[in-house]
Amino acid sequence: MATKMLFATMLGGLALAACDPLPKPLYTEVTPPASFRTEADGVRVDNEGYQLDAEGYRINKRGQRIGMVDVQAKTAGDKSNAVAGYWISASGETAPGSVATPSGGGAGSGPGSIMNSTLPTPATMPQQAPISPTSGNVAPPPGYR
């Protein structure tokens, strides 16, 4: 009897090990489409209709790249520094340059903003009258049970 139970338990364990109860994720069955397509004449076009050059950058009808920014040319002569005035321990000196400051407009500069208002100090706050404690023998309010 014990061998039959052992055999049935082992057979059940094998049956459970053979089935896969977890579903397969869709990304194993469906591959996402490419972000570009190749036309019949060999021109690659992205999903928004822009032609692509050999490196995959968008180009206009004249063959010039769209949206490319030359960072070195844009920041040439710029004296701003995000850490200006802070001590740089690696170099042993204060960081040069100036920190960018907001101009007259923008967020935090309108009427009622903290930037334009003077916050009250404890000396300018009105003094409150002290609250006097009452005894515990005060009659309850009317209607109170």
N, C-alpha and C. Protein backbone atom coordinates (compact mmCIF):
# COMPACT_ATOMS: atom_id res chain seq x y z
N MET A 1 0.82 -1.18 0.00
CA MET A 1 0.00 0.00 0.00
C MET A 1 0.87 1.25 0.00
N ALA A 2 1.94 1.22 0.77
CA ALA A 2 2.82 2.39 0.84
C ALA A 2 3.51 2.63 -0.49
N THR A 3 3.85 1.56 -1.22
CA THR A 3 4.50 1.74 -2.52
C THR A 3 3.54 2.33 -3.55
N LYS A 4 2.27 1.96 -3.46
CA LYS A 4 1.29 2.55 -4.37
C LYS A 4 1.13 4.05 -4.10
N MET A 5 1.11 4.45 -2.84
CA MET A 5 0.99 5.86 -2.48
C MET A 5 2.22 6.64 -2.92
N LEU A 6 3.39 6.04 -2.73
CA LEU A 6 4.63 6.68 -3.14
C LEU A 6 4.65 6.84 -4.66
N PHE A 7 4.23 5.78 -5.38
CA PHE A 7 4.19 5.84 -6.83
C PHE A 7 3.21 6.91 -7.31
N ALA A 8 2.03 6.99 -6.69
CA ALA A 8 1.02 7.99 -7.07
C ALA A 8 1.52 9.40 -6.78
N THR A 9 2.20 9.60 -5.67
CA THR A 9 2.74 10.91 -5.33
C THR A 9 3.81 11.32 -6.32
N MET A 10 4.69 10.40 -6.68
CA MET A 10 5.74 10.71 -7.63
C MET A 10 5.16 11.00 -9.01
N LEU A 11 4.15 10.25 -9.43
CA LEU A 11 3.51 10.46 -10.72
C LEU A 11 2.81 11.83 -10.75
N GLY A 12 2.17 12.18 -9.66
CA GLY A 12 1.53 13.51 -9.55
C GLY A 12 2.54 14.63 -9.60
N GLY A 13 3.68 14.45 -8.94
CA GLY A 13 4.74 15.46 -8.97
C GLY A 13 5.30 15.64 -10.37
N LEU A 14 5.46 14.54 -11.10
CA LEU A 14 5.93 14.63 -12.48
C LEU A 14 4.92 15.33 -13.37
N ALA A 15 3.65 15.07 -13.15
CA ALA A 15 2.61 15.71 -13.95
C ALA A 15 2.58 17.21 -13.69
N LEU A 16 2.75 17.61 -12.45
CA LEU A 16 2.76 19.05 -12.14
C LEU A 16 4.00 19.73 -12.68
N ALA A 17 5.12 19.05 -12.68
CA ALA A 17 6.34 19.65 -13.19
C ALA A 17 6.29 19.81 -14.70
N ALA A 18 5.49 18.98 -15.39
CA ALA A 18 5.43 19.04 -16.85
C ALA A 18 4.58 20.20 -17.35
N CYS A 19 3.62 20.65 -16.58
CA CYS A 19 2.76 21.74 -17.05
C CYS A 19 3.34 23.09 -16.62
N ASP A 20 3.08 24.11 -17.43
CA ASP A 20 3.56 25.46 -17.15
C ASP A 20 2.36 26.34 -16.84
N PRO A 21 2.09 26.62 -15.56
CA PRO A 21 0.87 27.36 -15.23
C PRO A 21 0.96 28.86 -15.52
N LEU A 22 2.16 29.39 -15.71
CA LEU A 22 2.29 30.83 -15.93
C LEU A 22 2.11 31.18 -17.40
N PRO A 23 1.38 32.26 -17.68
CA PRO A 23 1.20 32.65 -19.08
C PRO A 23 2.49 33.24 -19.66
N LYS A 24 2.63 33.12 -20.96
CA LYS A 24 3.78 33.69 -21.63
C LYS A 24 3.53 35.17 -21.89
N PRO A 25 4.50 36.04 -21.64
CA PRO A 25 4.30 37.45 -21.95
C PRO A 25 4.23 37.68 -23.46
N LEU A 26 3.52 38.71 -23.87
CA LEU A 26 3.32 38.96 -25.28
C LEU A 26 4.61 39.33 -26.01
N TYR A 27 5.57 39.93 -25.30
CA TYR A 27 6.78 40.34 -26.00
C TYR A 27 7.60 39.17 -26.49
N THR A 28 7.31 37.95 -26.04
CA THR A 28 8.01 36.79 -26.57
C THR A 28 7.34 36.27 -27.83
N GLU A 29 6.08 36.65 -28.05
CA GLU A 29 5.35 36.16 -29.21
C GLU A 29 5.24 37.20 -30.32
N VAL A 30 5.21 38.49 -29.95
CA VAL A 30 5.04 39.56 -30.92
C VAL A 30 6.26 40.47 -30.86
N THR A 31 6.88 40.70 -32.00
CA THR A 31 8.02 41.61 -32.03
C THR A 31 7.53 43.00 -32.40
N PRO A 32 8.01 44.05 -31.74
CA PRO A 32 7.57 45.40 -32.06
C PRO A 32 8.08 45.82 -33.43
N PRO A 33 7.34 46.67 -34.13
CA PRO A 33 7.79 47.10 -35.45
C PRO A 33 9.01 48.00 -35.34
N ALA A 34 9.76 48.08 -36.41
CA ALA A 34 10.94 48.95 -36.43
C ALA A 34 10.51 50.40 -36.38
N SER A 35 11.39 51.27 -35.90
CA SER A 35 11.06 52.69 -35.80
C SER A 35 11.20 53.40 -37.12
N PHE A 36 11.61 52.69 -38.17
CA PHE A 36 11.69 53.27 -39.50
C PHE A 36 11.34 52.20 -40.53
N ARG A 37 11.04 52.66 -41.72
CA ARG A 37 10.76 51.74 -42.82
C ARG A 37 11.68 52.09 -43.98
N THR A 38 11.92 51.16 -44.85
CA THR A 38 12.75 51.39 -46.02
C THR A 38 11.86 51.40 -47.24
N GLU A 39 11.89 52.52 -47.96
CA GLU A 39 11.09 52.65 -49.17
C GLU A 39 11.66 51.77 -50.27
N ALA A 40 10.95 51.68 -51.40
CA ALA A 40 11.38 50.83 -52.51
C ALA A 40 12.69 51.32 -53.12
N ASP A 41 12.93 52.65 -53.08
CA ASP A 41 14.17 53.18 -53.66
C ASP A 41 15.33 53.16 -52.67
N GLY A 42 15.14 52.59 -51.47
CA GLY A 42 16.22 52.45 -50.49
C GLY A 42 16.30 53.55 -49.46
N VAL A 43 15.42 54.55 -49.55
CA VAL A 43 15.43 55.67 -48.60
C VAL A 43 14.75 55.20 -47.31
N ARG A 44 15.41 55.47 -46.18
CA ARG A 44 14.82 55.12 -44.89
C ARG A 44 13.99 56.29 -44.39
N VAL A 45 12.77 56.00 -43.92
CA VAL A 45 11.84 57.01 -43.44
C VAL A 45 11.37 56.58 -42.06
N ASP A 46 11.36 57.54 -41.08
CA ASP A 46 10.90 57.17 -39.74
C ASP A 46 9.38 57.18 -39.68
N ASN A 47 8.82 56.88 -38.50
CA ASN A 47 7.38 56.73 -38.35
C ASN A 47 6.62 58.03 -38.51
N GLU A 48 7.30 59.18 -38.46
CA GLU A 48 6.63 60.46 -38.64
C GLU A 48 6.85 61.03 -40.04
N GLY A 49 7.47 60.27 -40.92
CA GLY A 49 7.60 60.69 -42.31
C GLY A 49 8.89 61.42 -42.64
N TYR A 50 9.82 61.55 -41.70
CA TYR A 50 11.09 62.22 -41.98
C TYR A 50 12.08 61.24 -42.60
N GLN A 51 12.83 61.70 -43.60
CA GLN A 51 13.89 60.87 -44.17
C GLN A 51 15.05 60.80 -43.20
N LEU A 52 15.77 59.68 -43.21
CA LEU A 52 16.90 59.47 -42.32
C LEU A 52 18.17 59.32 -43.12
N ASP A 53 19.28 59.84 -42.57
CA ASP A 53 20.57 59.65 -43.25
C ASP A 53 21.17 58.32 -42.82
N ALA A 54 22.41 58.07 -43.21
CA ALA A 54 23.05 56.77 -42.96
C ALA A 54 23.22 56.49 -41.47
N GLU A 55 23.39 57.56 -40.64
CA GLU A 55 23.56 57.37 -39.20
C GLU A 55 22.23 57.33 -38.44
N GLY A 56 21.10 57.57 -39.15
CA GLY A 56 19.80 57.51 -38.50
C GLY A 56 19.27 58.85 -38.04
N TYR A 57 19.92 59.97 -38.40
CA TYR A 57 19.43 61.30 -38.03
C TYR A 57 18.41 61.77 -39.06
N ARG A 58 17.44 62.55 -38.62
CA ARG A 58 16.44 63.12 -39.52
C ARG A 58 17.11 64.16 -40.41
N ILE A 59 16.73 64.19 -41.68
CA ILE A 59 17.27 65.18 -42.61
C ILE A 59 16.12 65.86 -43.34
N ASN A 60 16.37 67.12 -43.76
CA ASN A 60 15.37 67.83 -44.54
C ASN A 60 15.55 67.52 -46.02
N LYS A 61 14.80 68.20 -46.89
CA LYS A 61 14.84 67.89 -48.32
C LYS A 61 16.18 68.24 -48.95
N ARG A 62 16.97 69.13 -48.31
CA ARG A 62 18.29 69.49 -48.83
C ARG A 62 19.38 68.56 -48.32
N GLY A 63 19.03 67.60 -47.45
CA GLY A 63 20.01 66.65 -46.94
C GLY A 63 20.71 67.10 -45.67
N GLN A 64 20.24 68.20 -45.05
CA GLN A 64 20.85 68.70 -43.82
C GLN A 64 20.13 68.09 -42.62
N ARG A 65 20.89 67.82 -41.59
CA ARG A 65 20.30 67.22 -40.39
C ARG A 65 19.38 68.21 -39.69
N ILE A 66 18.27 67.68 -39.17
CA ILE A 66 17.27 68.50 -38.47
C ILE A 66 17.48 68.34 -36.98
N GLY A 67 17.47 69.45 -36.26
CA GLY A 67 17.50 69.41 -34.81
C GLY A 67 18.87 69.20 -34.20
N MET A 68 19.93 69.25 -34.98
CA MET A 68 21.27 69.10 -34.44
C MET A 68 21.70 70.42 -33.80
N VAL A 69 22.29 70.36 -32.63
CA VAL A 69 22.75 71.53 -31.92
C VAL A 69 24.25 71.40 -31.68
N ASP A 70 24.99 72.40 -32.11
CA ASP A 70 26.42 72.42 -31.86
C ASP A 70 26.62 73.09 -30.49
N VAL A 71 26.80 72.29 -29.47
CA VAL A 71 26.87 72.79 -28.09
C VAL A 71 28.07 73.71 -27.90
N GLN A 72 29.20 73.37 -28.47
CA GLN A 72 30.39 74.20 -28.31
C GLN A 72 30.18 75.58 -28.92
N ALA A 73 29.52 75.65 -30.07
CA ALA A 73 29.28 76.94 -30.69
C ALA A 73 28.23 77.73 -29.92
N LYS A 74 27.23 77.05 -29.37
CA LYS A 74 26.17 77.74 -28.62
C LYS A 74 26.69 78.33 -27.31
N THR A 75 27.62 77.66 -26.67
CA THR A 75 28.09 78.11 -25.36
C THR A 75 29.43 78.83 -25.42
N ALA A 76 29.91 79.15 -26.61
CA ALA A 76 31.19 79.86 -26.73
C ALA A 76 31.07 81.24 -26.10
N GLY A 77 31.99 81.58 -25.23
CA GLY A 77 31.99 82.88 -24.56
C GLY A 77 31.04 82.99 -23.39
N ASP A 78 30.37 81.93 -23.04
CA ASP A 78 29.43 81.95 -21.92
C ASP A 78 30.22 81.83 -20.62
N LYS A 79 30.01 82.77 -19.71
CA LYS A 79 30.77 82.79 -18.46
C LYS A 79 29.99 82.20 -17.30
N SER A 80 28.79 81.66 -17.54
CA SER A 80 28.02 81.12 -16.41
C SER A 80 28.59 79.78 -15.98
N ASN A 81 28.42 79.48 -14.72
CA ASN A 81 28.93 78.25 -14.15
C ASN A 81 27.96 77.82 -13.06
N ALA A 82 27.48 76.59 -13.12
CA ALA A 82 26.48 76.13 -12.15
C ALA A 82 27.03 76.07 -10.73
N VAL A 83 28.33 75.92 -10.56
CA VAL A 83 28.91 75.82 -9.23
C VAL A 83 29.80 77.03 -8.92
N ALA A 84 29.54 78.15 -9.58
CA ALA A 84 30.36 79.33 -9.37
C ALA A 84 30.28 79.78 -7.91
N GLY A 85 31.42 80.09 -7.33
CA GLY A 85 31.48 80.54 -5.96
C GLY A 85 31.62 79.44 -4.94
N TYR A 86 31.48 78.19 -5.34
CA TYR A 86 31.64 77.07 -4.42
C TYR A 86 33.08 76.59 -4.42
N TRP A 87 33.51 76.08 -3.31
CA TRP A 87 34.86 75.55 -3.17
C TRP A 87 34.94 74.18 -3.82
N ILE A 88 35.87 74.01 -4.73
CA ILE A 88 36.08 72.73 -5.41
C ILE A 88 37.30 72.09 -4.77
N SER A 89 37.08 71.03 -4.01
CA SER A 89 38.19 70.43 -3.26
C SER A 89 39.17 69.73 -4.18
N ALA A 90 38.72 69.23 -5.34
CA ALA A 90 39.63 68.53 -6.24
C ALA A 90 40.69 69.47 -6.80
N SER A 91 40.31 70.72 -7.08
CA SER A 91 41.27 71.68 -7.63
C SER A 91 41.85 72.59 -6.55
N GLY A 92 41.21 72.65 -5.38
CA GLY A 92 41.71 73.48 -4.29
C GLY A 92 41.45 74.95 -4.48
N GLU A 93 40.41 75.30 -5.23
CA GLU A 93 40.08 76.72 -5.45
C GLU A 93 38.58 76.88 -5.63
N THR A 94 38.14 78.13 -5.62
CA THR A 94 36.74 78.44 -5.81
C THR A 94 36.42 78.38 -7.30
N ALA A 95 35.26 77.87 -7.64
CA ALA A 95 34.87 77.75 -9.05
C ALA A 95 34.66 79.12 -9.65
N PRO A 96 35.21 79.37 -10.85
CA PRO A 96 35.07 80.68 -11.48
C PRO A 96 33.71 80.84 -12.15
N GLY A 97 33.42 82.04 -12.61
CA GLY A 97 32.20 82.31 -13.36
C GLY A 97 31.12 82.91 -12.49
N SER A 98 29.93 82.97 -13.06
CA SER A 98 28.79 83.53 -12.35
C SER A 98 27.62 82.58 -12.46
N VAL A 99 26.78 82.58 -11.45
CA VAL A 99 25.60 81.74 -11.45
C VAL A 99 24.51 82.46 -12.23
N ALA A 100 23.77 81.73 -13.05
CA ALA A 100 22.68 82.33 -13.81
C ALA A 100 21.60 82.80 -12.86
N THR A 101 21.14 84.04 -13.06
CA THR A 101 20.08 84.59 -12.23
C THR A 101 18.88 84.89 -13.10
N PRO A 102 17.68 84.76 -12.56
CA PRO A 102 16.50 85.04 -13.38
C PRO A 102 16.38 86.52 -13.68
N SER A 103 15.83 86.82 -14.84
CA SER A 103 15.59 88.21 -15.19
C SER A 103 14.34 88.68 -14.47
N GLY A 104 13.84 89.86 -14.82
CA GLY A 104 12.70 90.45 -14.13
C GLY A 104 11.44 89.62 -14.18
N GLY A 105 11.21 88.84 -15.21
CA GLY A 105 9.97 88.07 -15.34
C GLY A 105 10.17 86.62 -14.95
N GLY A 106 9.13 85.85 -15.12
CA GLY A 106 9.23 84.42 -14.88
C GLY A 106 8.54 84.02 -13.60
N ALA A 107 8.66 82.76 -13.28
CA ALA A 107 8.00 82.22 -12.09
C ALA A 107 8.62 82.80 -10.82
N GLY A 108 7.82 83.14 -9.88
CA GLY A 108 8.31 83.64 -8.60
C GLY A 108 8.64 85.10 -8.58
N SER A 109 8.19 85.85 -9.61
CA SER A 109 8.53 87.27 -9.62
C SER A 109 7.32 88.18 -9.66
N GLY A 110 6.12 87.62 -9.70
CA GLY A 110 4.92 88.43 -9.78
C GLY A 110 4.49 88.97 -8.43
N PRO A 111 3.40 89.76 -8.40
CA PRO A 111 2.91 90.28 -7.12
C PRO A 111 2.44 89.15 -6.23
N GLY A 112 2.76 89.25 -4.98
CA GLY A 112 2.38 88.23 -4.02
C GLY A 112 3.36 87.09 -3.90
N SER A 113 4.43 87.12 -4.67
CA SER A 113 5.41 86.04 -4.57
C SER A 113 6.33 86.28 -3.39
N ILE A 114 6.96 85.25 -2.92
CA ILE A 114 7.87 85.35 -1.78
C ILE A 114 9.07 86.20 -2.13
N MET A 115 9.48 86.17 -3.43
CA MET A 115 10.65 86.93 -3.85
C MET A 115 10.45 88.43 -3.67
N ASN A 116 9.20 88.91 -3.92
CA ASN A 116 8.96 90.34 -3.87
C ASN A 116 8.36 90.81 -2.55
N SER A 117 8.04 89.92 -1.67
CA SER A 117 7.42 90.34 -0.42
C SER A 117 8.44 90.28 0.71
N THR A 118 8.15 91.05 1.75
CA THR A 118 9.00 90.99 2.94
C THR A 118 8.24 90.18 3.96
N LEU A 119 8.81 89.11 4.38
CA LEU A 119 8.16 88.24 5.35
C LEU A 119 8.23 88.87 6.74
N PRO A 120 7.17 88.70 7.54
CA PRO A 120 7.20 89.29 8.88
C PRO A 120 8.19 88.56 9.78
N THR A 121 8.81 89.32 10.64
CA THR A 121 9.72 88.75 11.63
C THR A 121 8.99 88.69 12.97
N PRO A 122 9.49 87.97 13.95
CA PRO A 122 8.82 87.93 15.26
C PRO A 122 8.68 89.32 15.89
N ALA A 123 9.59 90.23 15.60
CA ALA A 123 9.49 91.57 16.19
C ALA A 123 8.34 92.36 15.58
N THR A 124 8.00 92.10 14.32
CA THR A 124 6.93 92.85 13.67
C THR A 124 5.57 92.19 13.80
N MET A 125 5.52 91.00 14.33
CA MET A 125 4.23 90.31 14.51
C MET A 125 3.48 90.93 15.68
N PRO A 126 2.13 91.04 15.59
CA PRO A 126 1.37 91.59 16.72
C PRO A 126 1.42 90.63 17.91
N GLN A 127 1.47 91.19 19.09
CA GLN A 127 1.53 90.37 20.29
C GLN A 127 0.14 89.83 20.62
N GLN A 128 0.07 88.57 21.03
CA GLN A 128 -1.19 87.96 21.39
C GLN A 128 -1.39 88.05 22.89
N ALA A 129 -2.65 88.20 23.27
CA ALA A 129 -2.97 88.21 24.70
C ALA A 129 -2.83 86.80 25.24
N PRO A 130 -2.28 86.63 26.43
CA PRO A 130 -2.15 85.28 26.98
C PRO A 130 -3.51 84.66 27.26
N ILE A 131 -3.61 83.40 27.09
CA ILE A 131 -4.85 82.67 27.35
C ILE A 131 -4.83 82.25 28.81
N SER A 132 -5.89 82.66 29.53
CA SER A 132 -5.93 82.31 30.95
C SER A 132 -6.63 80.97 31.11
N PRO A 133 -6.08 80.08 31.90
CA PRO A 133 -6.71 78.78 32.10
C PRO A 133 -7.97 78.92 32.94
N THR A 134 -8.92 78.04 32.67
CA THR A 134 -10.16 78.05 33.44
C THR A 134 -10.17 76.83 34.36
N SER A 135 -10.95 76.94 35.39
CA SER A 135 -11.04 75.82 36.32
C SER A 135 -11.90 74.73 35.73
N GLY A 136 -11.81 73.58 36.28
CA GLY A 136 -12.56 72.44 35.79
C GLY A 136 -14.01 72.45 36.25
N ASN A 137 -14.42 73.41 37.06
CA ASN A 137 -15.77 73.44 37.59
C ASN A 137 -16.66 74.40 36.79
N VAL A 138 -16.53 74.39 35.49
CA VAL A 138 -17.34 75.26 34.65
C VAL A 138 -18.61 74.52 34.29
N ALA A 139 -19.73 75.20 34.34
CA ALA A 139 -21.03 74.56 34.02
C ALA A 139 -21.05 74.19 32.55
N PRO A 140 -21.64 73.06 32.20
CA PRO A 140 -21.71 72.66 30.78
C PRO A 140 -22.61 73.60 30.00
N PRO A 141 -22.42 73.69 28.72
CA PRO A 141 -23.26 74.55 27.92
C PRO A 141 -24.70 74.04 27.91
N PRO A 142 -25.68 74.92 27.61
CA PRO A 142 -27.08 74.48 27.61
C PRO A 142 -27.33 73.41 26.57
N GLY A 143 -28.11 72.43 26.90
CA GLY A 143 -28.42 71.33 26.02
C GLY A 143 -27.44 70.18 26.10
N TYR A 144 -26.40 70.32 26.91
CA TYR A 144 -25.39 69.28 27.03
C TYR A 144 -25.83 68.29 28.09
N ARG A 145 -25.75 67.03 27.90
CA ARG A 145 -26.14 66.05 28.90
C ARG A 145 -24.93 65.35 29.44
